[in-house]
Amino acid sequence: MSRIEQLEGFAQANPKDPFPRYGLALEYKNLGRLEDAIRSFQELMRTFPDYIPSFLHAGAVLAELGRKDEARAAYQAGIEVTTRKQDFHARGELEAALADLLSRST
């Protein structure tokens, strides 16, 4: 059984836990399967809108795919969530990623 199959099984067995879905999305990203990764991150953000780690990686994958506007939106959504949840470390990471994205867009 591949890691993808294992992670899919974990996600199906634990539908209320975002972590297996996050792991699956990261595995797709690490394998270079960026379209699969972004679909997984987007599903994760829809299903678990307060799961902070998904925003940074979703933005990075979208930027790598050349989808800069969507990447910016992912980072900004993550900044809103981290502000509301008072996770200032994660907010700083998202703000830095957004600043980097914007500096490369000019």
Protein backbone atom coordinates (compact mmCIF):
# COMPACT_ATOMS: atom_id res chain seq x y z
CA MET A 1 0.00 0.00 0.00
CA SER A 2 1.40 3.40 -0.98
CA ARG A 3 1.61 6.41 1.34
CA ILE A 4 -1.13 8.05 -0.73
CA GLU A 5 -3.41 5.06 -0.21
CA GLN A 6 -2.61 4.98 3.51
CA LEU A 7 -3.34 8.69 3.91
CA GLU A 8 -6.56 8.40 1.89
CA GLY A 9 -7.60 5.57 4.20
CA PHE A 10 -6.79 7.61 7.31
CA ALA A 11 -8.76 10.57 5.93
CA GLN A 12 -11.78 8.38 5.18
CA ALA A 13 -11.60 6.67 8.56
CA ASN A 14 -11.32 10.01 10.42
CA PRO A 15 -13.58 12.46 8.57
CA LYS A 16 -13.65 14.93 11.48
CA ASP A 17 -9.86 15.11 11.78
CA PRO A 18 -8.13 17.55 9.41
CA PHE A 19 -4.64 16.15 9.94
CA PRO A 20 -4.88 13.09 7.63
CA ARG A 21 -6.22 15.31 4.83
CA TYR A 22 -3.40 17.76 5.47
CA GLY A 23 -0.87 14.93 5.31
CA LEU A 24 -2.38 13.75 2.02
CA ALA A 25 -2.17 17.23 0.52
CA LEU A 26 1.47 17.54 1.64
CA GLU A 27 2.29 14.15 0.17
CA TYR A 28 0.86 15.22 -3.19
CA LYS A 29 2.89 18.44 -2.97
CA ASN A 30 6.08 16.57 -2.13
CA LEU A 31 5.52 14.22 -5.08
CA GLY A 32 5.11 17.18 -7.43
CA ARG A 33 1.43 16.40 -7.99
CA LEU A 34 0.52 20.04 -7.57
CA GLU A 35 -2.99 19.92 -9.05
CA ASP A 36 -3.89 17.05 -6.69
CA ALA A 37 -2.24 18.96 -3.83
CA ILE A 38 -4.21 22.14 -4.43
CA ARG A 39 -7.48 20.24 -4.76
CA SER A 40 -6.72 18.59 -1.41
CA PHE A 41 -5.75 21.88 0.25
CA GLN A 42 -8.87 23.61 -1.10
CA GLU A 43 -11.08 20.80 0.18
CA LEU A 44 -9.31 21.02 3.54
CA MET A 45 -9.89 24.78 3.73
CA ARG A 46 -13.58 24.35 2.86
CA THR A 47 -14.14 21.50 5.30
CA PHE A 48 -11.94 22.83 8.13
CA PRO A 49 -11.84 26.61 7.61
CA ASP A 50 -9.96 27.22 10.88
CA TYR A 51 -7.19 24.68 10.19
CA ILE A 52 -4.36 27.18 9.92
CA PRO A 53 -1.54 25.07 8.38
CA SER A 54 -3.45 24.56 5.14
CA PHE A 55 -3.36 28.25 4.13
CA LEU A 56 0.41 28.64 3.90
CA HIS A 57 0.90 25.49 1.84
CA ALA A 58 -2.11 26.18 -0.38
CA GLY A 59 -0.74 29.62 -1.16
CA ALA A 60 2.69 28.20 -1.94
CA VAL A 61 1.28 25.56 -4.29
CA LEU A 62 -0.92 28.10 -6.04
CA ALA A 63 2.06 30.43 -6.47
CA GLU A 64 4.11 27.57 -7.88
CA LEU A 65 1.29 26.87 -10.35
CA GLY A 66 1.41 30.53 -11.41
CA ARG A 67 -2.02 31.26 -9.90
CA LYS A 68 -0.86 34.40 -8.06
CA ASP A 69 -4.29 35.93 -7.39
CA GLU A 70 -5.52 32.70 -5.82
CA ALA A 71 -2.29 32.40 -3.82
CA ARG A 72 -2.78 35.93 -2.51
CA ALA A 73 -6.37 35.10 -1.55
CA ALA A 74 -5.25 31.95 0.30
CA TYR A 75 -2.63 33.89 2.25
CA GLN A 76 -5.09 36.68 3.07
CA ALA A 77 -7.73 34.19 4.23
CA GLY A 78 -5.11 32.55 6.44
CA ILE A 79 -4.14 35.92 7.89
CA GLU A 80 -7.79 36.53 8.79
CA VAL A 81 -8.06 33.14 10.51
CA THR A 82 -4.79 33.55 12.40
CA THR A 83 -5.79 37.03 13.53
CA ARG A 84 -9.13 35.77 14.81
CA LYS A 85 -7.48 32.81 16.55
CA GLN A 86 -4.62 35.00 17.84
CA ASP A 87 -1.95 32.75 16.33
CA PHE A 88 0.58 35.51 15.76
CA HIS A 89 3.45 33.22 14.77
CA ALA A 90 1.45 31.66 11.93
CA ARG A 91 0.14 35.10 10.96
CA GLY A 92 3.72 36.32 10.64
CA GLU A 93 4.59 33.39 8.37
CA LEU A 94 1.56 34.09 6.18
CA GLU A 95 2.32 37.82 6.05
CA ALA A 96 5.91 37.08 5.02
CA ALA A 97 4.74 34.68 2.31
CA LEU A 98 2.25 37.26 1.05
CA ALA A 99 4.91 39.99 1.01
CA ASP A 100 7.25 37.70 -0.92
CA LEU A 101 4.51 36.86 -3.42
CA LEU A 102 3.66 40.53 -3.92
CA SER A 103 7.32 41.50 -4.33
CA ARG A 104 7.70 38.91 -7.09
CA SER A 105 4.56 40.15 -8.84
CA THR A 106 5.91 43.62 -9.50
